[in-house]
Amino acid sequence: MPLWLQAGLWGLLAGSALLVGAAVGYAARLPTRLIAGIMAFGAGVLISALSFDLMDEAFHQGGFIPTALGFVAGAAAYSAANAALASRGAKHRKRSGGKQPSEAQHGGSGMAIAVGALLDGIPESIVIGVSLIAGGAVSLVAVAAVFLSNVPEGLSSAAGMRQAGRSRGYVFGVWSGIAVISGLASLLGYVVFRGLSPSAVAGTTAVAAGAILAMLADTMMPEATEGAHDLTGLITVAGFLAAFVLSKLGG
């Protein structure tokens, strides 16, 4: 199977976790505390993955300067885009506790939430595609980490969408579309960057890592902290440890 197709399929697999989480979040009325705990676990998984898989790999490929510049640039770009979307009603797109505005409360918020969800998923998907460049095999740690973190993202956001009065068609249309786009982003991550220098690939990986960390701080951790309260830290550590073990087993 061509590597570009493998990249797309791995990205689609990881993105499909959003749809799985959305189905659970929309169909089942789970306690807010449970949703927040799952979100905290997913945040821990991503923090571990970007620390031991993404940033470490970027450093070894391109050195400190491209890695540091890319990391800051990715965080800055994500933060700017997130701020713009927040002003249009997407600030609480991952909240499950009734904070998402309805279309009547904030016109255009539905589209902003959809775009915001897409913004959150693109960096993760690109990383999966880029991971095939070095050795011709996908980083299973990256795929597992993105999959495990996508489930609570989809779950929490879909629960909030349901409480805001958004239709079943809207909810599953959004997440199905993002799952497909995740596959395409992973495919493009491989095709676009495979011919570039190691420094450029390292910078791209670091950009994605910076965007992911900014996304965690802006969207996932507030939901986790508000809902799980004193257990947030412990649950996040459990997620971090799970991904750390995966990285060592895979390396």
C-alpha atoms as a PDB file:
ATOM      1  CA  MET A   1       0.000   0.000   0.000  1.00  0.00           C
ATOM      2  CA  PRO A   2       1.444   3.432  -0.927  1.00  0.00           C
ATOM      3  CA  LEU A   3       2.681   5.455   2.026  1.00  0.00           C
ATOM      4  CA  TRP A   4       0.487   8.433   1.124  1.00  0.00           C
ATOM      5  CA  LEU A   5      -2.574   6.194   1.360  1.00  0.00           C
ATOM      6  CA  GLN A   6      -1.373   4.724   4.641  1.00  0.00           C
ATOM      7  CA  ALA A   7      -1.005   8.249   6.007  1.00  0.00           C
ATOM      8  CA  GLY A   8      -4.575   9.079   5.031  1.00  0.00           C
ATOM      9  CA  LEU A   9      -5.997   5.904   6.545  1.00  0.00           C
ATOM     10  CA  TRP A  10      -4.118   6.323   9.825  1.00  0.00           C
ATOM     11  CA  GLY A  11      -5.334   9.900  10.068  1.00  0.00           C
ATOM     12  CA  LEU A  12      -8.891   8.766   9.344  1.00  0.00           C
ATOM     13  CA  LEU A  13      -8.633   6.106  12.049  1.00  0.00           C
ATOM     14  CA  ALA A  14      -7.466   8.631  14.644  1.00  0.00           C
ATOM     15  CA  GLY A  15     -10.106  11.151  13.524  1.00  0.00           C
ATOM     16  CA  SER A  16     -12.863   8.544  13.742  1.00  0.00           C
ATOM     17  CA  ALA A  17     -12.424   8.593  17.525  1.00  0.00           C
ATOM     18  CA  LEU A  18     -14.071  12.034  17.474  1.00  0.00           C
ATOM     19  CA  LEU A  19     -17.158  10.439  15.955  1.00  0.00           C
ATOM     20  CA  VAL A  20     -17.117   7.628  18.521  1.00  0.00           C
ATOM     21  CA  GLY A  21     -16.898  10.136  21.365  1.00  0.00           C
ATOM     22  CA  ALA A  22     -19.599  12.325  19.806  1.00  0.00           C
ATOM     23  CA  ALA A  23     -21.968   9.356  19.522  1.00  0.00           C
ATOM     24  CA  VAL A  24     -21.547   8.565  23.218  1.00  0.00           C
ATOM     25  CA  GLY A  25     -21.764  12.197  24.270  1.00  0.00           C
ATOM     26  CA  TYR A  26     -24.911  12.860  22.251  1.00  0.00           C
ATOM     27  CA  ALA A  27     -26.769   9.632  23.026  1.00  0.00           C
ATOM     28  CA  ALA A  28     -25.867   9.141  26.695  1.00  0.00           C
ATOM     29  CA  ARG A  29     -26.400  11.734  29.410  1.00  0.00           C
ATOM     30  CA  LEU A  30     -23.149  11.205  31.251  1.00  0.00           C
ATOM     31  CA  PRO A  31     -22.385  13.126  34.460  1.00  0.00           C
ATOM     32  CA  THR A  32     -20.341  16.278  33.884  1.00  0.00           C
ATOM     33  CA  ARG A  33     -17.757  15.054  36.390  1.00  0.00           C
ATOM     34  CA  LEU A  34     -17.212  11.854  34.388  1.00  0.00           C
ATOM     35  CA  ILE A  35     -16.872  13.750  31.103  1.00  0.00           C
ATOM     36  CA  ALA A  36     -14.362  16.124  32.720  1.00  0.00           C
ATOM     37  CA  GLY A  37     -12.360  13.197  34.056  1.00  0.00           C
ATOM     38  CA  ILE A  38     -12.179  11.625  30.607  1.00  0.00           C
ATOM     39  CA  MET A  39     -11.101  15.000  29.226  1.00  0.00           C
ATOM     40  CA  ALA A  40      -8.336  15.256  31.841  1.00  0.00           C
ATOM     41  CA  PHE A  41      -7.085  11.790  30.889  1.00  0.00           C
ATOM     42  CA  GLY A  42      -7.015  12.758  27.196  1.00  0.00           C
ATOM     43  CA  ALA A  43      -5.103  15.935  28.024  1.00  0.00           C
ATOM     44  CA  GLY A  44      -2.489  13.924  29.900  1.00  0.00           C
ATOM     45  CA  VAL A  45      -2.112  11.581  26.938  1.00  0.00           C
ATOM     46  CA  LEU A  46      -1.469  14.473  24.548  1.00  0.00           C
ATOM     47  CA  ILE A  47       0.970  16.239  26.882  1.00  0.00           C
ATOM     48  CA  SER A  48       3.030  13.059  27.106  1.00  0.00           C
ATOM     49  CA  ALA A  49       2.914  12.450  23.359  1.00  0.00           C
ATOM     50  CA  LEU A  50       4.019  15.949  22.411  1.00  0.00           C
ATOM     51  CA  SER A  51       6.790  15.852  25.032  1.00  0.00           C
ATOM     52  CA  PHE A  52       8.333  12.439  24.366  1.00  0.00           C
ATOM     53  CA  ASP A  53       7.328  11.809  20.757  1.00  0.00           C
ATOM     54  CA  LEU A  54       6.877  15.112  18.908  1.00  0.00           C
ATOM     55  CA  MET A  55       9.309  17.546  20.534  1.00  0.00           C
ATOM     56  CA  ASP A  56      12.010  14.965  21.128  1.00  0.00           C
ATOM     57  CA  GLU A  57      11.812  13.816  17.505  1.00  0.00           C
ATOM     58  CA  ALA A  58      11.839  17.393  16.227  1.00  0.00           C
ATOM     59  CA  PHE A  59      14.911  18.192  18.325  1.00  0.00           C
ATOM     60  CA  HIS A  60      16.847  15.179  17.062  1.00  0.00           C
ATOM     61  CA  GLN A  61      15.900  15.902  13.448  1.00  0.00           C
ATOM     62  CA  GLY A  62      16.487  19.637  13.265  1.00  0.00           C
ATOM     63  CA  GLY A  63      18.161  20.845  16.431  1.00  0.00           C
ATOM     64  CA  PHE A  64      17.096  23.381  19.007  1.00  0.00           C
ATOM     65  CA  ILE A  65      16.521  26.524  16.907  1.00  0.00           C
ATOM     66  CA  PRO A  66      13.993  25.128  14.337  1.00  0.00           C
ATOM     67  CA  THR A  67      12.253  23.203  17.117  1.00  0.00           C
ATOM     68  CA  ALA A  68      11.945  26.188  19.449  1.00  0.00           C
ATOM     69  CA  LEU A  69      10.869  28.587  16.703  1.00  0.00           C
ATOM     70  CA  GLY A  70       8.307  26.142  15.349  1.00  0.00           C
ATOM     71  CA  PHE A  71       6.948  25.399  18.814  1.00  0.00           C
ATOM     72  CA  VAL A  72       6.345  29.064  19.631  1.00  0.00           C
ATOM     73  CA  ALA A  73       5.009  29.809  16.135  1.00  0.00           C
ATOM     74  CA  GLY A  74       2.505  26.970  16.361  1.00  0.00           C
ATOM     75  CA  ALA A  75       1.238  28.136  19.743  1.00  0.00           C
ATOM     76  CA  ALA A  76       0.984  31.744  18.555  1.00  0.00           C
ATOM     77  CA  ALA A  77      -0.883  30.831  15.360  1.00  0.00           C
ATOM     78  CA  TYR A  78      -3.328  28.600  17.219  1.00  0.00           C
ATOM     79  CA  SER A  79      -3.931  31.183  19.960  1.00  0.00           C
ATOM     80  CA  ALA A  80      -4.664  33.914  17.412  1.00  0.00           C
ATOM     81  CA  ALA A  81      -7.099  31.729  15.477  1.00  0.00           C
ATOM     82  CA  ASN A  82      -8.730  30.503  18.686  1.00  0.00           C
ATOM     83  CA  ALA A  83      -9.213  34.064  19.951  1.00  0.00           C
ATOM     84  CA  ALA A  84     -10.924  35.025  16.697  1.00  0.00           C
ATOM     85  CA  LEU A  85     -13.256  32.022  16.888  1.00  0.00           C
ATOM     86  CA  ALA A  86     -13.971  32.620  20.597  1.00  0.00           C
ATOM     87  CA  SER A  87     -15.319  36.063  19.759  1.00  0.00           C
ATOM     88  CA  ARG A  88     -17.741  34.401  17.327  1.00  0.00           C
ATOM     89  CA  GLY A  89     -19.211  31.962  19.842  1.00  0.00           C
ATOM     90  CA  ALA A  90     -16.761  29.024  19.814  1.00  0.00           C
ATOM     91  CA  LYS A  91     -15.030  29.716  23.142  1.00  0.00           C
ATOM     92  CA  HIS A  92     -16.766  26.848  24.940  1.00  0.00           C
ATOM     93  CA  ARG A  93     -16.817  24.355  22.052  1.00  0.00           C
ATOM     94  CA  LYS A  94     -15.456  21.543  24.238  1.00  0.00           C
ATOM     95  CA  ARG A  95     -17.670  22.308  27.224  1.00  0.00           C
ATOM     96  CA  SER A  96     -20.331  19.781  28.159  1.00  0.00           C
ATOM     97  CA  GLY A  97     -22.007  21.699  30.991  1.00  0.00           C
ATOM     98  CA  GLY A  98     -24.370  23.937  29.055  1.00  0.00           C
ATOM     99  CA  LYS A  99     -21.941  26.778  28.307  1.00  0.00           C
ATOM    100  CA  GLN A 100     -22.093  26.450  24.529  1.00  0.00           C
ATOM    101  CA  PRO A 101     -24.368  29.157  23.088  1.00  0.00           C
ATOM    102  CA  SER A 102     -27.310  28.239  20.890  1.00  0.00           C
ATOM    103  CA  GLU A 103     -27.717  29.819  17.484  1.00  0.00           C
ATOM    104  CA  ALA A 104     -30.426  32.064  18.936  1.00  0.00           C
ATOM    105  CA  GLN A 105     -28.092  33.281  21.669  1.00  0.00           C
ATOM    106  CA  HIS A 106     -25.155  33.899  19.344  1.00  0.00           C
ATOM    107  CA  GLY A 107     -25.800  33.918  15.609  1.00  0.00           C
ATOM    108  CA  GLY A 108     -23.105  32.109  13.641  1.00  0.00           C
ATOM    109  CA  SER A 109     -21.810  30.250  16.676  1.00  0.00           C
ATOM    110  CA  GLY A 110     -22.626  26.886  15.080  1.00  0.00           C
ATOM    111  CA  MET A 111     -20.254  27.526  12.197  1.00  0.00           C
ATOM    112  CA  ALA A 112     -17.612  28.946  14.541  1.00  0.00           C
ATOM    113  CA  ILE A 113     -17.790  25.814  16.717  1.00  0.00           C
ATOM    114  CA  ALA A 114     -17.409  23.590  13.641  1.00  0.00           C
ATOM    115  CA  VAL A 115     -14.402  25.579  12.413  1.00  0.00           C
ATOM    116  CA  GLY A 116     -12.929  25.545  15.914  1.00  0.00           C
ATOM    117  CA  ALA A 117     -13.251  21.782  16.147  1.00  0.00           C
ATOM    118  CA  LEU A 118     -11.492  21.535  12.799  1.00  0.00           C
ATOM    119  CA  LEU A 119      -8.745  23.869  14.016  1.00  0.00           C
ATOM    120  CA  ASP A 120      -8.191  21.633  17.045  1.00  0.00           C
ATOM    121  CA  GLY A 121      -7.798  18.467  14.963  1.00  0.00           C
ATOM    122  CA  ILE A 122      -5.592  19.569  12.052  1.00  0.00           C
ATOM    123  CA  PRO A 123      -2.209  19.770  13.886  1.00  0.00           C
ATOM    124  CA  GLU A 124      -2.652  16.285  15.334  1.00  0.00           C
ATOM    125  CA  SER A 125      -3.480  14.826  11.935  1.00  0.00           C
ATOM    126  CA  ILE A 126      -0.529  16.449  10.181  1.00  0.00           C
ATOM    127  CA  VAL A 127       1.801  14.943  12.787  1.00  0.00           C
ATOM    128  CA  ILE A 128       0.555  11.452  11.938  1.00  0.00           C
ATOM    129  CA  GLY A 129       1.366  11.942   8.243  1.00  0.00           C
ATOM    130  CA  VAL A 130       4.763  13.495   8.950  1.00  0.00           C
ATOM    131  CA  SER A 131       5.666  10.557  11.205  1.00  0.00           C
ATOM    132  CA  LEU A 132       5.791   8.263   8.151  1.00  0.00           C
ATOM    133  CA  ILE A 133       8.515  10.325   6.488  1.00  0.00           C
ATOM    134  CA  ALA A 134      11.472   9.292   8.629  1.00  0.00           C
ATOM    135  CA  GLY A 135      11.207   5.498   8.674  1.00  0.00           C
ATOM    136  CA  GLY A 136       8.414   4.614   6.288  1.00  0.00           C
ATOM    137  CA  ALA A 137       6.183   3.479   9.155  1.00  0.00           C
ATOM    138  CA  VAL A 138       3.650   5.466  11.120  1.00  0.00           C
ATOM    139  CA  SER A 139       4.275   6.373  14.743  1.00  0.00           C
ATOM    140  CA  LEU A 140       1.807   4.117  16.512  1.00  0.00           C
ATOM    141  CA  VAL A 141       2.352   6.159  19.658  1.00  0.00           C
ATOM    142  CA  ALA A 142       1.168   9.303  17.857  1.00  0.00           C
ATOM    143  CA  VAL A 143      -1.869   7.512  16.419  1.00  0.00           C
ATOM    144  CA  ALA A 144      -2.780   5.991  19.789  1.00  0.00           C
ATOM    145  CA  ALA A 145      -2.315   9.302  21.599  1.00  0.00           C
ATOM    146  CA  VAL A 146      -4.470  11.229  19.116  1.00  0.00           C
ATOM    147  CA  PHE A 147      -7.141   8.505  19.139  1.00  0.00           C
ATOM    148  CA  LEU A 148      -7.270   8.368  22.942  1.00  0.00           C
ATOM    149  CA  SER A 149      -7.500  12.152  23.230  1.00  0.00           C
ATOM    150  CA  ASN A 150     -10.064  12.516  20.439  1.00  0.00           C
ATOM    151  CA  VAL A 151     -12.653  10.367  22.210  1.00  0.00           C
ATOM    152  CA  PRO A 152     -13.124  12.769  25.160  1.00  0.00           C
ATOM    153  CA  GLU A 153     -12.912  15.796  22.832  1.00  0.00           C
ATOM    154  CA  GLY A 154     -15.813  14.504  20.738  1.00  0.00           C
ATOM    155  CA  LEU A 155     -17.713  13.318  23.804  1.00  0.00           C
ATOM    156  CA  SER A 156     -17.584  16.585  25.706  1.00  0.00           C
ATOM    157  CA  SER A 157     -18.236  18.820  22.716  1.00  0.00           C
ATOM    158  CA  ALA A 158     -21.178  16.754  21.437  1.00  0.00           C
ATOM    159  CA  ALA A 159     -22.759  16.751  24.896  1.00  0.00           C
ATOM    160  CA  GLY A 160     -22.492  20.540  24.909  1.00  0.00           C
ATOM    161  CA  MET A 161     -23.930  20.774  21.395  1.00  0.00           C
ATOM    162  CA  ARG A 162     -26.927  18.687  22.462  1.00  0.00           C
ATOM    163  CA  GLN A 163     -27.562  20.924  25.476  1.00  0.00           C
ATOM    164  CA  ALA A 164     -27.323  23.994  23.234  1.00  0.00           C
ATOM    165  CA  GLY A 165     -30.175  22.566  21.132  1.00  0.00           C
ATOM    166  CA  ARG A 166     -28.179  21.615  18.025  1.00  0.00           C
ATOM    167  CA  SER A 167     -29.662  18.858  15.907  1.00  0.00           C
ATOM    168  CA  ARG A 168     -28.414  15.309  15.556  1.00  0.00           C
ATOM    169  CA  GLY A 169     -27.686  15.996  11.884  1.00  0.00           C
ATOM    170  CA  TYR A 170     -25.535  19.006  12.761  1.00  0.00           C
ATOM    171  CA  VAL A 171     -23.574  17.161  15.471  1.00  0.00           C
ATOM    172  CA  PHE A 172     -22.789  14.065  13.443  1.00  0.00           C
ATOM    173  CA  GLY A 173     -22.289  16.047  10.262  1.00  0.00           C
ATOM    174  CA  VAL A 174     -19.615  18.136  11.986  1.00  0.00           C
ATOM    175  CA  TRP A 175     -17.734  15.197  13.445  1.00  0.00           C
ATOM    176  CA  SER A 176     -18.013  13.001  10.356  1.00  0.00           C
ATOM    177  CA  GLY A 177     -16.644  15.844   8.248  1.00  0.00           C
ATOM    178  CA  ILE A 178     -13.782  16.454  10.655  1.00  0.00           C
ATOM    179  CA  ALA A 179     -12.894  12.746  10.704  1.00  0.00           C
ATOM    180  CA  VAL A 180     -12.618  12.776   6.896  1.00  0.00           C
ATOM    181  CA  ILE A 181     -10.618  16.014   6.900  1.00  0.00           C
ATOM    182  CA  SER A 182      -8.315  14.509   9.536  1.00  0.00           C
ATOM    183  CA  GLY A 183      -7.494  11.730   7.094  1.00  0.00           C
ATOM    184  CA  LEU A 184      -6.850  14.247   4.307  1.00  0.00           C
ATOM    185  CA  ALA A 185      -4.659  16.390   6.589  1.00  0.00           C
ATOM    186  CA  SER A 186      -2.580  13.362   7.506  1.00  0.00           C
ATOM    187  CA  LEU A 187      -2.225  12.447   3.832  1.00  0.00           C
ATOM    188  CA  LEU A 188      -1.137  15.992   2.980  1.00  0.00           C
ATOM    189  CA  GLY A 189       1.245  16.012   5.936  1.00  0.00           C
ATOM    190  CA  TYR A 190       3.108  13.151   4.305  1.00  0.00           C
ATOM    191  CA  VAL A 191       2.881  14.313   0.677  1.00  0.00           C
ATOM    192  CA  VAL A 192       3.756  17.972   1.266  1.00  0.00           C
ATOM    193  CA  PHE A 193       6.645  17.508   3.700  1.00  0.00           C
ATOM    194  CA  ARG A 194       8.340  14.311   2.506  1.00  0.00           C
ATOM    195  CA  GLY A 195      10.646  16.198   0.132  1.00  0.00           C
ATOM    196  CA  LEU A 196      11.736  18.834   2.624  1.00  0.00           C
ATOM    197  CA  SER A 197      14.906  18.979   4.699  1.00  0.00           C
ATOM    198  CA  PRO A 198      15.079  17.440   8.176  1.00  0.00           C
ATOM    199  CA  SER A 199      15.103  20.963   9.659  1.00  0.00           C
ATOM    200  CA  ALA A 200      11.874  21.835   7.842  1.00  0.00           C
ATOM    201  CA  VAL A 201      10.220  18.591   8.954  1.00  0.00           C
ATOM    202  CA  ALA A 202      11.405  19.228  12.514  1.00  0.00           C
ATOM    203  CA  GLY A 203       9.998  22.753  12.411  1.00  0.00           C
ATOM    204  CA  THR A 204       6.654  21.452  11.121  1.00  0.00           C
ATOM    205  CA  THR A 205       6.470  18.840  13.866  1.00  0.00           C
ATOM    206  CA  ALA A 206       7.267  21.499  16.472  1.00  0.00           C
ATOM    207  CA  VAL A 207       4.616  23.851  15.029  1.00  0.00           C
ATOM    208  CA  ALA A 208       2.038  21.097  15.457  1.00  0.00           C
ATOM    209  CA  ALA A 209       3.262  20.383  18.997  1.00  0.00           C
ATOM    210  CA  GLY A 210       2.985  24.058  19.949  1.00  0.00           C
ATOM    211  CA  ALA A 211      -0.528  24.269  18.527  1.00  0.00           C
ATOM    212  CA  ILE A 212      -1.564  21.112  20.386  1.00  0.00           C
ATOM    213  CA  LEU A 213      -0.237  22.396  23.718  1.00  0.00           C
ATOM    214  CA  ALA A 214      -1.987  25.750  23.236  1.00  0.00           C
ATOM    215  CA  MET A 215      -5.203  23.880  22.393  1.00  0.00           C
ATOM    216  CA  LEU A 216      -4.909  21.842  25.586  1.00  0.00           C
ATOM    217  CA  ALA A 217      -4.474  24.930  27.732  1.00  0.00           C
ATOM    218  CA  ASP A 218      -7.246  26.904  26.020  1.00  0.00           C
ATOM    219  CA  THR A 219      -9.953  24.294  25.534  1.00  0.00           C
ATOM    220  CA  MET A 220      -9.411  20.885  27.168  1.00  0.00           C
ATOM    221  CA  MET A 221      -7.952  21.731  30.575  1.00  0.00           C
ATOM    222  CA  PRO A 222     -10.613  24.340  31.518  1.00  0.00           C
ATOM    223  CA  GLU A 223     -13.337  21.733  30.958  1.00  0.00           C
ATOM    224  CA  ALA A 224     -11.376  19.125  32.905  1.00  0.00           C
ATOM    225  CA  THR A 225     -10.579  21.416  35.836  1.00  0.00           C
ATOM    226  CA  GLU A 226     -14.097  22.797  36.173  1.00  0.00           C
ATOM    227  CA  GLY A 227     -15.747  19.395  36.137  1.00  0.00           C
ATOM    228  CA  ALA A 228     -13.267  17.056  37.829  1.00  0.00           C
ATOM    229  CA  HIS A 229     -12.113  19.550  40.475  1.00  0.00           C
ATOM    230  CA  ASP A 230      -9.481  18.091  42.823  1.00  0.00           C
ATOM    231  CA  LEU A 231      -9.086  14.894  40.791  1.00  0.00           C
ATOM    232  CA  THR A 232      -7.979  16.696  37.616  1.00  0.00           C
ATOM    233  CA  GLY A 233      -4.271  16.496  38.371  1.00  0.00           C
ATOM    234  CA  LEU A 234      -4.318  12.812  39.280  1.00  0.00           C
ATOM    235  CA  ILE A 235      -6.345  11.821  36.217  1.00  0.00           C
ATOM    236  CA  THR A 236      -4.121  13.906  33.936  1.00  0.00           C
ATOM    237  CA  VAL A 237      -1.062  12.155  35.372  1.00  0.00           C
ATOM    238  CA  ALA A 238      -2.698   8.791  34.640  1.00  0.00           C
ATOM    239  CA  GLY A 239      -3.188   9.801  30.999  1.00  0.00           C
ATOM    240  CA  PHE A 240       0.398  11.066  30.793  1.00  0.00           C
ATOM    241  CA  LEU A 241       1.694   7.783  32.208  1.00  0.00           C
ATOM    242  CA  ALA A 242      -0.394   5.718  29.779  1.00  0.00           C
ATOM    243  CA  ALA A 243       1.094   7.538  26.776  1.00  0.00           C
ATOM    244  CA  PHE A 244       4.591   7.417  28.290  1.00  0.00           C
ATOM    245  CA  VAL A 245       4.333   3.636  28.592  1.00  0.00           C
ATOM    246  CA  LEU A 246       3.139   3.436  24.979  1.00  0.00           C
ATOM    247  CA  SER A 247       6.107   5.517  23.826  1.00  0.00           C
ATOM    248  CA  LYS A 248       8.587   3.232  25.606  1.00  0.00           C
ATOM    249  CA  LEU A 249       6.921   0.063  24.373  1.00  0.00           C
ATOM    250  CA  GLY A 250       6.938   1.447  20.837  1.00  0.00           C
ATOM    251  CA  GLY A 251      10.506   2.736  20.983  1.00  0.00           C
END
